């Protein structure tokens, strides 16, 4: 009897303990609900509520995951820079495990946002793509807009413009389903920026002007800056000045420095060097790394033009440090590969769906054939019809795998080795091993494509250089004299075609003179010694002597004119 009473007492104690624990959790639930209800409209108030929750570790697993998600979301909406992904990982793991698609999708989106703040572009991309995978059939257009916009921005900051543009256009398509004038203005501006980056300036201007129709005072200044820069690139300085001044009318703190940079570039192009230096010096103090880098790049050009080589080296060094900082977190190849793998998996899913439907259709076809086989004419009709269907199916399958198959021939040896290995060891190979070999094949194909694109770009740059007016003038005219502006034009074209050519010369020989740099330009253009001598106002022997001296200064090797010419050609 005593034992029975002891067991009953223990059971009652356990029940009371669980009840009290449940009550403790229930006390917190209303606060989470209230924070979740107002988080989009009043994120500051939501953050205040969440910060008041005590004993977070005593929450139920679900409430704790919800708290982690809401706290990360509130911090993000309040523009608080994320420093750790530990909390949001708890939320993502829980909601994915419990198949809560909406919250799981939201959690992976914020995992992407957190890793963007942590400057891990590749990891951020993977989480954004994971969010899209989970929300494949989602009707939450607001969240889909955020995910695609952030993917576009991520690709744009990595200078992967061909991948950024479809993301931004996807945003625009969702905005048709869920209109928002502010988001539309941003989407149109972002699309315009991609067109600007790819030198499709007319298209860029169209989208910028469309963006102004939806823009609020908060964003209008940045759009006018970009519009002015687009006209500047078209050498329409009057329109550029007009829109830069419009930007100044609506300027906010974050747009002042970009405006100063734009004015500095404009004054430089108008040969108002003093004003250019003034505005570029102001913008060089910007906290925004891209503005800062652009300012030092232009200041370096001015220094070179004024033959202030020490300042040129100083500004160039600062620009390169900033440029290296910008690119240090870039993952160009890996990002392309991750997107390609995502596309590949998406295609594979669609292929499986298609094959299931095709199988069902084939079963139906055979049933029809068997049913009407006694009637020769009718059976022939159906057989013919189904043959046509089969051909269309094959054509569709070939089109789906065109991209993955067309690169195989670019590297036949390596791909064939992998293919042979896959065939020979197919039975012994695990599914994981097979997938690894397939992934390796895909990487080789992507690498070949990148090499091809890079080579194509260099050829295009050289073609543009050879078609330039200054290049044609120098090669065709016998007695030619170059003005200071023409030397400056040649300098810009040389450095645009062969990146950092001038700077590399100075690094090799810091005491190099402007005249010696000019001789290097002319040698790079493969001009005759006689023509170089005429342009430089020196004798042919003087040109040869300069070439010999520079080769020794550059390499430390004995003087040699032929080796110098090859050295410059390869530099």
Protein backbone atom coordinates (compact mmCIF):
# COMPACT_ATOMS: atom_id res chain seq x y z
CA UNK A 1 0.00 0.00 0.00
CA UNK A 2 2.82 2.37 0.92
CA UNK A 3 4.56 1.58 -2.35
CA UNK A 4 1.35 2.30 -4.25
CA UNK A 5 0.95 5.66 -2.51
CA UNK A 6 4.61 6.45 -3.25
CA UNK A 7 4.12 5.72 -6.97
CA UNK A 8 0.95 7.84 -7.09
CA UNK A 9 2.72 10.72 -5.33
CA UNK A 10 5.63 10.55 -7.76
CA UNK A 11 3.29 10.46 -10.75
CA UNK A 12 1.39 13.50 -9.47
CA UNK A 13 4.69 15.36 -8.93
CA UNK A 14 5.82 14.61 -12.49
CA UNK A 15 2.48 15.76 -13.93
CA UNK A 16 2.60 18.98 -11.87
CA UNK A 17 6.18 19.59 -13.00
CA UNK A 18 5.26 19.14 -16.66
CA UNK A 19 2.17 21.31 -16.22
CA UNK A 20 4.20 24.07 -14.61
CA UNK A 21 6.77 23.84 -17.39
CA UNK A 22 4.05 24.08 -20.00
CA UNK A 23 2.57 27.08 -18.24
CA UNK A 24 5.98 28.70 -18.12
CA UNK A 25 6.28 28.25 -21.89
CA UNK A 26 2.77 29.49 -22.48
CA UNK A 27 3.61 32.75 -20.74
CA UNK A 28 6.16 33.50 -23.46
CA UNK A 29 3.98 32.43 -26.40
CA UNK A 30 1.80 35.59 -26.46
CA UNK A 31 4.93 37.76 -26.61
CA UNK A 32 6.22 35.79 -29.60
CA UNK A 33 2.83 36.05 -31.28
CA UNK A 34 2.71 39.80 -30.70
CA UNK A 35 6.26 40.27 -32.05
CA UNK A 36 5.48 38.14 -35.13
CA UNK A 37 2.28 40.11 -35.80
CA UNK A 38 3.98 43.54 -35.93
CA UNK A 39 7.51 42.63 -37.11
CA UNK A 40 7.10 43.78 -40.74
CA UNK A 41 5.31 47.07 -39.99
CA UNK A 42 7.04 47.95 -36.71
CA UNK A 43 10.32 46.02 -36.52
CA UNK A 44 11.70 48.30 -33.78
CA UNK A 45 8.77 47.51 -31.49
CA UNK A 46 9.05 43.80 -32.31
CA UNK A 47 12.75 43.87 -31.39
CA UNK A 48 11.91 45.59 -28.08
CA UNK A 49 9.36 42.85 -27.24
CA UNK A 50 11.81 40.07 -28.10
CA UNK A 51 14.54 41.64 -25.94
CA UNK A 52 12.18 41.58 -22.97
CA UNK A 53 11.71 37.79 -23.12
CA UNK A 54 13.54 36.18 -20.21
CA UNK A 55 14.73 32.62 -19.70
CA UNK A 56 14.95 31.98 -23.43
CA UNK A 57 16.56 28.58 -22.84
CA UNK A 58 13.46 27.45 -20.94
CA UNK A 59 11.20 27.93 -23.94
CA UNK A 60 9.84 24.90 -25.75
CA UNK A 61 11.85 23.75 -28.75
CA UNK A 62 9.31 25.24 -31.15
CA UNK A 63 9.08 28.56 -29.30
CA UNK A 64 12.87 28.74 -29.03
CA UNK A 65 13.22 28.21 -32.79
CA UNK A 66 10.53 30.84 -33.38
CA UNK A 67 12.35 33.26 -31.08
CA UNK A 68 15.65 32.71 -32.95
CA UNK A 69 13.93 33.34 -36.29
CA UNK A 70 12.05 36.45 -35.12
CA UNK A 71 15.10 37.96 -33.39
CA UNK A 72 17.24 37.55 -36.55
CA UNK A 73 14.43 38.97 -38.68
CA UNK A 74 13.91 41.96 -36.36
CA UNK A 75 17.65 42.74 -36.30
CA UNK A 76 17.78 42.57 -40.09
CA UNK A 77 14.75 44.83 -40.54
CA UNK A 78 16.33 47.33 -38.11
CA UNK A 79 19.51 47.36 -40.24
CA UNK A 80 21.62 45.80 -37.48
CA UNK A 81 24.67 44.10 -39.01
CA UNK A 82 24.70 40.38 -38.27
CA UNK A 83 27.83 38.98 -36.62
CA UNK A 84 26.87 35.32 -36.14
CA UNK A 85 24.61 32.71 -37.76
CA UNK A 86 24.24 30.48 -34.68
CA UNK A 87 20.68 31.61 -33.76
CA UNK A 88 19.17 31.46 -37.23
CA UNK A 89 20.72 28.01 -37.81
CA UNK A 90 18.71 26.74 -34.83
CA UNK A 91 15.52 28.02 -36.45
CA UNK A 92 16.37 26.65 -39.92
CA UNK A 93 17.25 23.18 -38.55
CA UNK A 94 14.07 22.94 -36.47
CA UNK A 95 11.57 24.14 -39.06
CA UNK A 96 13.11 22.04 -41.84
CA UNK A 97 13.04 18.95 -39.59
CA UNK A 98 9.38 19.60 -38.74
CA UNK A 99 8.50 20.28 -42.42
CA UNK A 100 7.23 23.80 -41.74
CA UNK A 101 7.84 25.01 -45.30
CA UNK A 102 6.91 28.67 -44.78
CA UNK A 103 9.10 29.23 -41.73
CA UNK A 104 11.85 27.01 -43.09
CA UNK A 105 11.93 29.07 -46.29
CA UNK A 106 12.04 32.27 -44.22
CA UNK A 107 14.81 30.91 -41.98
CA UNK A 108 17.04 29.97 -44.94
CA UNK A 109 16.47 33.38 -46.48
CA UNK A 110 17.75 35.01 -43.29
CA UNK A 111 20.64 32.56 -43.19
CA UNK A 112 21.54 34.04 -46.57
CA UNK A 113 21.16 37.59 -45.23
CA UNK A 114 23.36 36.80 -42.21
CA UNK A 115 26.11 35.26 -44.36
CA UNK A 116 25.97 38.26 -46.69
CA UNK A 117 26.79 40.43 -43.68
CA UNK A 118 29.54 37.95 -42.79
CA UNK A 119 30.89 38.54 -46.35
CA UNK A 120 30.59 34.89 -47.32
CA UNK A 121 28.96 35.28 -50.74
CA UNK A 122 29.14 31.60 -51.64
CA UNK A 123 27.46 30.45 -48.42
CA UNK A 124 24.83 33.19 -48.74
CA UNK A 125 24.05 32.03 -52.28
CA UNK A 126 23.61 28.41 -51.14
CA UNK A 127 21.12 29.43 -48.46
CA UNK A 128 19.12 31.66 -50.84
CA UNK A 129 18.92 28.78 -53.33
CA UNK A 130 17.91 26.45 -50.49
CA UNK A 131 15.07 28.85 -49.62
CA UNK A 132 13.91 28.79 -53.25
CA UNK A 133 14.09 25.00 -53.32
CA UNK A 134 11.91 24.73 -50.19
CA UNK A 135 9.44 27.38 -51.44
CA UNK A 136 9.28 26.06 -55.02
CA UNK A 137 5.47 26.29 -55.03
CA UNK A 138 5.20 29.18 -52.56
CA UNK A 139 2.67 31.98 -53.06
CA UNK A 140 4.51 34.26 -50.63
CA UNK A 141 5.50 36.73 -53.35
CA UNK A 142 6.92 39.20 -50.83
CA UNK A 143 9.47 36.67 -49.63
CA UNK A 144 10.22 35.47 -53.17
CA UNK A 145 10.88 39.09 -54.18
CA UNK A 146 13.37 39.43 -51.31
CA UNK A 147 15.18 36.20 -52.18
CA UNK A 148 15.54 36.94 -55.90
CA UNK A 149 16.52 40.55 -55.20
CA UNK A 150 19.25 39.47 -52.78
CA UNK A 151 20.52 36.85 -55.24
CA UNK A 152 20.65 39.52 -57.95
CA UNK A 153 22.54 41.89 -55.65
CA UNK A 154 24.94 39.12 -54.63
CA UNK A 155 25.72 38.30 -58.28
CA UNK A 156 25.98 42.00 -59.19
CA UNK A 157 28.53 42.67 -56.46
CA UNK A 158 30.53 39.71 -57.77
CA UNK A 159 30.38 41.27 -61.29
CA UNK A 160 28.50 38.22 -62.58
CA UNK A 161 26.07 40.37 -64.54
CA UNK A 162 24.68 37.63 -66.79
CA UNK A 163 23.40 35.86 -63.66
CA UNK A 164 22.24 39.02 -61.86
CA UNK A 165 19.95 40.28 -64.64
CA UNK A 166 17.54 37.25 -64.67
CA UNK A 167 17.21 37.54 -60.88
CA UNK A 168 16.18 41.20 -61.05
CA UNK A 169 13.76 40.50 -63.91
CA UNK A 170 12.25 37.73 -61.79
CA UNK A 171 11.69 40.33 -59.05
CA UNK A 172 9.90 42.55 -61.56
CA UNK A 173 7.63 39.67 -62.64
CA UNK A 174 6.60 38.99 -59.02
CA UNK A 175 5.94 42.70 -58.48
CA UNK A 176 3.27 42.43 -61.19
CA UNK A 177 1.51 39.90 -58.92
CA UNK A 178 2.06 41.93 -55.78
CA UNK A 179 2.54 45.63 -56.72
CA UNK A 180 4.79 47.82 -54.59
CA UNK A 181 5.98 51.15 -56.00
CA UNK A 182 9.10 51.39 -53.81
CA UNK A 183 10.25 47.85 -54.62
CA UNK A 184 9.46 48.45 -58.29
CA UNK A 185 11.70 51.54 -58.30
CA UNK A 186 14.56 49.51 -56.79
CA UNK A 187 14.04 46.63 -59.23
CA UNK A 188 14.05 48.93 -62.28
CA UNK A 189 17.14 50.74 -60.99
CA UNK A 190 18.96 47.44 -60.39
CA UNK A 191 18.16 46.23 -63.92
CA UNK A 192 19.40 49.56 -65.28
CA UNK A 193 22.66 49.16 -63.34
CA UNK A 194 23.28 45.77 -64.95
CA UNK A 195 22.77 47.30 -68.38
CA UNK A 196 25.19 50.10 -67.43
CA UNK A 197 27.80 47.58 -66.27
CA UNK A 198 27.50 45.74 -69.58
CA UNK A 199 27.71 49.03 -71.57
CA UNK A 200 24.14 48.79 -72.86
CA UNK A 201 23.65 52.44 -72.03
CA UNK A 202 20.50 53.15 -74.06
CA UNK A 203 18.69 50.30 -72.30
CA UNK A 204 20.07 51.48 -68.96
CA UNK A 205 18.73 55.02 -69.49
CA UNK A 206 15.26 53.68 -70.37
CA UNK A 207 15.08 51.65 -67.14
CA UNK A 208 16.50 54.49 -65.02
CA UNK A 209 13.83 56.87 -66.32
CA UNK A 210 11.12 54.27 -65.64
CA UNK A 211 12.46 53.93 -62.10
CA UNK A 212 12.06 57.67 -61.48
CA UNK A 213 8.28 57.29 -62.00
CA UNK A 214 8.03 55.00 -58.96
CA UNK A 215 10.83 56.44 -56.84
CA UNK A 216 10.38 58.02 -53.41
CA UNK A 217 12.56 60.96 -52.23
CA UNK A 218 14.74 58.40 -50.40
CA UNK A 219 15.86 56.63 -53.60
CA UNK A 220 15.41 59.32 -56.27
CA UNK A 221 18.83 60.87 -55.62
CA UNK A 222 20.69 57.60 -56.29
CA UNK A 223 18.71 57.05 -59.50
CA UNK A 224 19.58 60.54 -60.77
CA UNK A 225 23.26 59.88 -59.97
CA UNK A 226 23.19 56.66 -61.98
CA UNK A 227 21.31 58.36 -64.82
CA UNK A 228 23.91 61.13 -64.90
CA UNK A 229 26.71 58.55 -64.96
CA UNK A 230 25.04 56.74 -67.86
CA UNK A 231 24.93 59.95 -69.91
CA UNK A 232 28.54 60.59 -68.87
CA UNK A 233 29.56 57.23 -70.34
CA UNK A 234 27.81 58.26 -73.57
CA UNK A 235 29.91 61.48 -73.50
CA UNK A 236 26.69 63.51 -73.25
CA UNK A 237 28.13 65.84 -70.63
CA UNK A 238 25.26 68.34 -70.72
CA UNK A 239 22.67 65.67 -69.78
CA UNK A 240 25.11 64.18 -67.28
CA UNK A 241 25.50 67.54 -65.53
CA UNK A 242 21.71 68.03 -65.56
CA UNK A 243 20.96 64.78 -63.75
CA UNK A 244 23.88 65.05 -61.33
CA UNK A 245 22.51 68.46 -60.27
CA UNK A 246 19.04 66.89 -59.95
CA UNK A 247 20.57 64.27 -57.66
CA UNK A 248 22.05 67.07 -55.53
CA UNK A 249 18.57 68.57 -54.99
CA UNK A 250 17.34 65.32 -53.39
CA UNK A 251 20.65 64.35 -51.81
CA UNK A 252 20.77 62.46 -48.53
CA UNK A 253 23.86 61.63 -46.47
CA UNK A 254 24.57 58.34 -48.31
CA UNK A 255 24.45 59.95 -51.78
CA UNK A 256 26.67 63.01 -51.17
CA UNK A 257 29.94 61.19 -51.79
CA UNK A 258 28.76 59.43 -55.01
CA UNK A 259 27.55 62.84 -56.26
CA UNK A 260 31.00 64.34 -55.55
CA UNK A 261 32.62 61.43 -57.43
CA UNK A 262 30.34 61.98 -60.43
CA UNK A 263 31.05 65.73 -60.45
CA UNK A 264 34.78 65.03 -60.20
CA UNK A 265 34.68 62.69 -63.22
CA UNK A 266 32.62 65.22 -65.16
CA UNK A 267 34.99 68.12 -64.46
CA UNK A 268 37.94 65.91 -65.41
CA UNK A 269 36.38 65.12 -68.77
CA UNK A 270 35.72 68.85 -69.28
CA UNK A 271 39.43 69.44 -68.54
CA UNK A 272 38.61 71.47 -65.41
CA UNK A 273 41.34 69.75 -63.43
CA UNK A 274 41.24 71.92 -60.30
CA UNK A 275 37.50 71.38 -59.79
CA UNK A 276 37.94 67.69 -60.57
CA UNK A 277 40.61 67.30 -57.90
CA UNK A 278 38.46 69.19 -55.38
CA UNK A 279 35.41 66.93 -55.75
CA UNK A 280 37.46 63.73 -56.10
CA UNK A 281 39.34 64.56 -52.91
CA UNK A 282 36.00 64.98 -51.11
CA UNK A 283 34.64 61.69 -52.42
CA UNK A 284 37.90 59.86 -51.58
CA UNK A 285 36.98 60.27 -47.89
CA UNK A 286 33.78 58.28 -48.40
CA UNK A 287 33.02 55.31 -46.15
CA UNK A 288 31.61 53.53 -49.21
CA UNK A 289 34.41 51.38 -50.64
CA UNK A 290 33.30 51.58 -54.30
CA UNK A 291 33.11 55.38 -54.19
CA UNK A 292 36.49 55.54 -52.48
CA UNK A 293 38.08 53.24 -55.07
CA UNK A 294 36.63 55.20 -58.01
CA UNK A 295 37.94 58.45 -56.52
CA UNK A 296 41.52 57.22 -56.16
CA UNK A 297 41.44 55.74 -59.67
CA UNK A 298 40.56 59.15 -61.15
CA UNK A 299 43.04 61.00 -58.92
CA UNK A 300 45.75 58.64 -60.19
CA UNK A 301 44.84 59.54 -63.79
CA UNK A 302 45.11 63.24 -62.98
CA UNK A 303 48.48 62.72 -61.28
CA UNK A 304 49.82 60.88 -64.32
CA UNK A 305 48.52 63.56 -66.63
CA UNK A 306 50.29 66.23 -64.55
CA UNK A 307 53.43 64.03 -64.49
CA UNK A 308 53.31 63.71 -60.69
CA UNK A 309 54.55 60.13 -60.61
CA UNK A 310 54.85 59.86 -56.82
CA UNK A 311 51.22 60.86 -56.38
CA UNK A 312 50.26 58.54 -59.23
CA UNK A 313 51.94 55.62 -57.45
CA UNK A 314 50.33 56.63 -54.11
CA UNK A 315 46.80 56.90 -55.54
CA UNK A 316 47.20 53.75 -57.62
CA UNK A 317 48.35 51.83 -54.54
CA UNK A 318 45.30 53.00 -52.57
CA UNK A 319 43.02 52.10 -55.49
CA UNK A 320 44.54 48.63 -55.80
CA UNK A 321 44.20 48.00 -52.05
CA UNK A 322 40.51 48.89 -52.23
CA UNK A 323 40.04 46.85 -55.41
CA UNK A 324 41.70 43.85 -53.73
CA UNK A 325 39.43 44.32 -50.73
CA UNK A 326 36.39 44.33 -53.03
CA UNK A 327 37.46 41.16 -54.83
CA UNK A 328 38.82 39.31 -51.77
CA UNK A 329 35.39 37.97 -50.96
CA UNK A 330 34.51 37.09 -54.54
CA UNK A 331 33.82 33.50 -55.46
CA UNK A 332 33.16 33.85 -59.17
CA UNK A 333 33.74 30.28 -60.28
CA UNK A 334 32.20 28.65 -57.22
CA UNK A 335 29.12 30.86 -57.43
CA UNK A 336 28.65 29.99 -61.09
CA UNK A 337 29.12 26.32 -60.28
CA UNK A 338 26.63 26.43 -57.39
CA UNK A 339 24.02 28.12 -59.58
CA UNK A 340 24.71 25.59 -62.33
CA UNK A 341 24.31 22.68 -59.89
CA UNK A 342 21.04 24.21 -58.67
CA UNK A 343 19.86 24.51 -62.28
CA UNK A 344 21.05 20.97 -62.97
CA UNK A 345 19.09 19.61 -60.00
CA UNK A 346 16.04 21.60 -61.04
CA UNK A 347 16.30 20.18 -64.56
CA UNK A 348 16.71 16.68 -63.08
CA UNK A 349 13.49 17.10 -61.07
CA UNK A 350 11.65 18.33 -64.13
CA UNK A 351 13.11 15.43 -66.09
CA UNK A 352 11.79 12.91 -63.54
CA UNK A 353 8.34 14.49 -63.67
CA UNK A 354 8.49 14.46 -67.44
CA UNK A 355 9.57 10.81 -67.54
CA UNK A 356 6.71 9.79 -65.24
CA UNK A 357 4.23 11.54 -67.50
CA UNK A 358 5.93 10.03 -70.54
CA UNK A 359 5.67 6.54 -69.01
CA UNK A 360 1.99 7.04 -68.35
CA UNK A 361 1.51 8.20 -71.89
CA UNK A 362 3.39 5.21 -73.26
CA UNK A 363 1.22 2.80 -71.26
CA UNK A 364 -1.85 4.45 -72.69
CA UNK A 365 -0.33 4.25 -76.17
CA UNK A 366 0.27 0.50 -75.90
CA UNK A 367 -3.25 -0.04 -74.63
CA UNK A 368 -4.62 1.83 -77.60
CA UNK A 369 -2.40 -0.08 -80.00
CA UNK A 370 -3.49 -3.44 -78.57
CA UNK A 371 -7.14 -2.41 -78.52
CA UNK A 372 -7.17 -1.36 -82.17
CA UNK A 373 -4.58 -3.84 -83.54
CA UNK A 374 -7.31 -5.81 -85.39
CA UNK A 375 -8.05 -2.82 -87.52
CA UNK A 376 -4.94 -2.37 -89.65
CA UNK A 377 -5.69 1.10 -90.88
CA UNK A 378 -6.53 2.49 -87.46
CA UNK A 379 -3.57 0.82 -85.78
CA UNK A 380 -1.21 2.23 -88.40
CA UNK A 381 -2.64 5.69 -87.76
CA UNK A 382 -2.00 5.46 -84.03
CA UNK A 383 1.46 3.94 -84.50
CA UNK A 384 2.43 6.79 -86.81
CA UNK A 385 1.06 9.31 -84.37
CA UNK A 386 2.97 7.85 -81.46
CA UNK A 387 6.20 7.75 -83.46
CA UNK A 388 5.84 11.48 -83.94
CA UNK A 389 5.23 11.91 -80.21
CA UNK A 390 8.34 9.88 -79.42
CA UNK A 391 10.40 12.06 -81.73
CA UNK A 392 9.13 15.20 -80.01
CA UNK A 393 10.02 13.70 -76.64
CA UNK A 394 13.54 12.89 -77.81
CA UNK A 395 13.92 16.40 -79.22
CA UNK A 396 12.82 17.89 -75.92
CA UNK A 397 15.26 15.72 -73.98
CA UNK A 398 18.10 16.69 -76.32
CA UNK A 399 17.27 20.37 -75.84
CA UNK A 400 17.27 19.98 -72.05
CA UNK A 401 20.74 18.44 -72.01
CA UNK A 402 22.21 20.59 -74.77
CA UNK A 403 24.22 22.79 -72.39
CA UNK A 404 25.73 19.89 -70.41
CA UNK A 405 26.53 17.88 -73.54
CA UNK A 406 28.00 20.60 -75.74
CA UNK A 407 31.01 21.18 -73.47
CA UNK A 408 32.11 17.52 -73.54
CA UNK A 409 33.99 18.04 -76.82
CA UNK A 410 35.94 21.05 -75.40
CA UNK A 411 37.97 18.68 -73.29
CA UNK A 412 37.50 15.27 -74.84
CA UNK A 413 40.36 13.54 -73.14
CA UNK A 414 39.44 14.39 -69.54
CA UNK A 415 35.71 13.98 -70.03
CA UNK A 416 36.09 10.68 -71.86
CA UNK A 417 38.27 9.34 -69.02
CA UNK A 418 35.57 10.20 -66.50
CA UNK A 419 32.86 8.77 -68.74
CA UNK A 420 34.81 5.53 -69.18
CA UNK A 421 35.29 5.29 -65.42
CA UNK A 422 31.58 5.82 -64.82
CA UNK A 423 30.72 3.03 -67.31
CA UNK A 424 33.37 0.54 -66.23
CA UNK A 425 32.74 0.87 -62.49
CA UNK A 426 29.02 1.55 -62.62
CA UNK A 427 28.00 -1.62 -60.77
CA UNK A 428 30.64 -1.22 -58.05
CA UNK A 429 30.13 2.51 -57.65
CA UNK A 430 27.91 3.94 -54.92
CA UNK A 431 25.38 6.65 -55.66
CA UNK A 432 27.52 9.18 -53.75
CA UNK A 433 30.63 8.29 -55.77
CA UNK A 434 28.67 8.52 -59.00
CA UNK A 435 27.40 11.97 -58.08
CA UNK A 436 30.97 13.10 -57.24
CA UNK A 437 32.23 12.02 -60.68
CA UNK A 438 29.27 13.71 -62.35
CA UNK A 439 30.00 16.90 -60.39
CA UNK A 440 33.66 16.74 -61.48
CA UNK A 441 32.55 16.45 -65.10
CA UNK A 442 30.38 19.51 -64.68
CA UNK A 443 33.22 21.50 -63.12
CA UNK A 444 35.50 20.71 -66.07
CA UNK A 445 32.84 21.82 -68.49
CA UNK A 446 32.28 25.10 -66.60
CA UNK A 447 36.04 25.75 -66.46
CA UNK A 448 36.39 25.33 -70.20
CA UNK A 449 33.51 27.71 -70.76
CA UNK A 450 35.12 30.36 -68.54
CA UNK A 451 38.45 30.06 -70.32
CA UNK A 452 36.69 30.45 -73.67
CA UNK A 453 34.80 33.52 -72.47
CA UNK A 454 37.95 35.09 -71.07
CA UNK A 455 39.88 34.56 -74.30
CA UNK A 456 37.00 35.94 -76.28
CA UNK A 457 36.96 39.08 -74.12
CA UNK A 458 40.68 39.73 -74.67
CA UNK A 459 40.27 39.33 -78.42
CA UNK A 460 37.34 41.75 -78.40
CA UNK A 461 39.30 44.32 -76.39
CA UNK A 462 42.25 44.13 -78.78
CA UNK A 463 39.88 44.36 -81.74
CA UNK A 464 38.29 47.51 -80.28
CA UNK A 465 41.75 48.98 -79.65
CA UNK A 466 42.88 48.27 -83.23
CA UNK A 467 39.69 49.91 -84.52
CA UNK A 468 40.14 53.05 -82.41
CA UNK A 469 40.80 56.35 -84.19
CA UNK A 470 44.11 56.99 -82.42
CA UNK A 471 45.45 53.50 -83.28
CA UNK A 472 44.50 53.90 -86.94
CA UNK A 473 45.95 57.42 -87.05
CA UNK A 474 49.33 56.36 -85.63
CA UNK A 475 49.67 53.38 -87.98
CA UNK A 476 48.46 55.05 -91.19
CA UNK A 477 49.98 58.55 -91.03
CA UNK A 478 53.67 58.82 -91.82
CA UNK A 479 54.46 62.11 -90.16
CA UNK A 480 52.44 62.20 -87.01
CA UNK A 481 52.64 64.34 -83.90
CA UNK A 482 50.63 63.47 -80.79
CA UNK A 483 49.10 66.14 -78.57
CA UNK A 484 48.90 65.76 -74.78
CA UNK A 485 45.21 64.79 -75.02
CA UNK A 486 46.04 62.13 -77.64
CA UNK A 487 48.76 60.71 -75.39
CA UNK A 488 46.21 60.60 -72.58
CA UNK A 489 43.72 58.83 -74.87
CA UNK A 490 46.38 56.31 -75.87
CA UNK A 491 47.23 55.73 -72.20
CA UNK A 492 43.60 54.98 -71.35
CA UNK A 493 43.18 52.63 -74.33
CA UNK A 494 46.39 50.75 -73.57
CA UNK A 495 45.42 50.24 -69.91
CA UNK A 496 41.86 49.28 -70.86
CA UNK A 497 43.09 46.66 -73.33
CA UNK A 498 46.03 45.41 -71.24
CA UNK A 499 44.91 46.02 -67.61
CA UNK A 500 47.42 47.86 -65.36
CA UNK A 501 50.04 48.02 -68.15
CA UNK A 502 51.28 51.48 -67.11
CA UNK A 503 51.27 50.65 -63.43
CA UNK A 504 53.23 47.45 -64.05
CA UNK A 505 55.90 49.46 -65.88
CA UNK A 506 56.22 51.83 -62.92
CA UNK A 507 56.39 48.94 -60.44
CA UNK A 508 59.23 47.37 -62.45
CA UNK A 509 61.13 50.68 -62.69
CA UNK A 510 59.78 53.42 -60.35
CA UNK A 511 62.14 56.06 -61.88
CA UNK A 512 60.76 55.59 -65.38
CA UNK A 513 60.00 58.87 -67.18
CA UNK A 514 56.87 59.84 -69.10
CA UNK A 515 58.86 59.74 -72.35
CA UNK A 516 60.06 56.19 -71.62
CA UNK A 517 56.45 55.11 -70.82
CA UNK A 518 55.40 56.56 -74.19
CA UNK A 519 58.12 54.57 -75.99
CA UNK A 520 56.79 51.41 -74.27
CA UNK A 521 53.28 52.24 -75.56
CA UNK A 522 54.58 52.57 -79.14
CA UNK A 523 56.60 49.34 -78.90
CA UNK A 524 53.46 47.61 -77.58
CA UNK A 525 51.73 48.80 -80.77
CA UNK A 526 54.53 47.16 -82.83
CA UNK A 527 55.59 50.37 -84.58
CA UNK A 528 58.86 50.59 -86.47
CA UNK A 529 61.91 52.16 -84.83
CA UNK A 530 61.88 54.91 -87.44
CA UNK A 531 58.26 55.83 -86.69
CA UNK A 532 58.82 55.74 -82.92
CA UNK A 533 61.82 58.07 -83.37
CA UNK A 534 59.74 60.53 -85.43
CA UNK A 535 56.87 60.59 -82.94
CA UNK A 536 59.22 61.00 -79.95
CA UNK A 537 61.45 63.64 -81.68
CA UNK A 538 64.62 61.58 -81.18
CA UNK A 539 66.98 59.61 -83.39
CA UNK A 540 66.55 55.91 -84.19
CA UNK A 541 69.73 55.17 -82.25
CA UNK A 542 68.23 57.06 -79.31
CA UNK A 543 65.17 54.77 -79.42
CA UNK A 544 67.40 51.68 -79.52
CA UNK A 545 69.50 52.97 -76.64
CA UNK A 546 66.34 53.61 -74.58
CA UNK A 547 65.05 50.09 -75.30
CA UNK A 548 68.35 48.52 -74.22
CA UNK A 549 68.50 50.60 -71.04
CA UNK A 550 64.88 49.86 -70.07
CA UNK A 551 65.35 46.10 -70.59
CA UNK A 552 68.24 46.12 -68.13
CA UNK A 553 66.24 48.22 -65.62
CA UNK A 554 63.14 45.98 -65.93
CA UNK A 555 64.84 42.56 -65.82
CA UNK A 556 68.39 43.06 -64.49
CA UNK A 557 69.64 41.17 -67.56
CA UNK A 558 72.16 42.50 -70.14
CA UNK A 559 70.85 45.08 -72.60
CA UNK A 560 69.00 43.62 -75.60
CA UNK A 561 66.55 45.39 -77.90
CA UNK A 562 64.92 42.23 -79.32
CA UNK A 563 64.32 40.77 -75.87
CA UNK A 564 62.92 44.14 -74.77
CA UNK A 565 60.37 44.16 -77.60
CA UNK A 566 59.22 40.63 -76.74
CA UNK A 567 59.13 41.52 -73.03
CA UNK A 568 56.82 44.50 -73.72
CA UNK A 569 54.68 42.43 -76.09
CA UNK A 570 54.13 39.77 -73.39
CA UNK A 571 53.66 42.24 -70.50
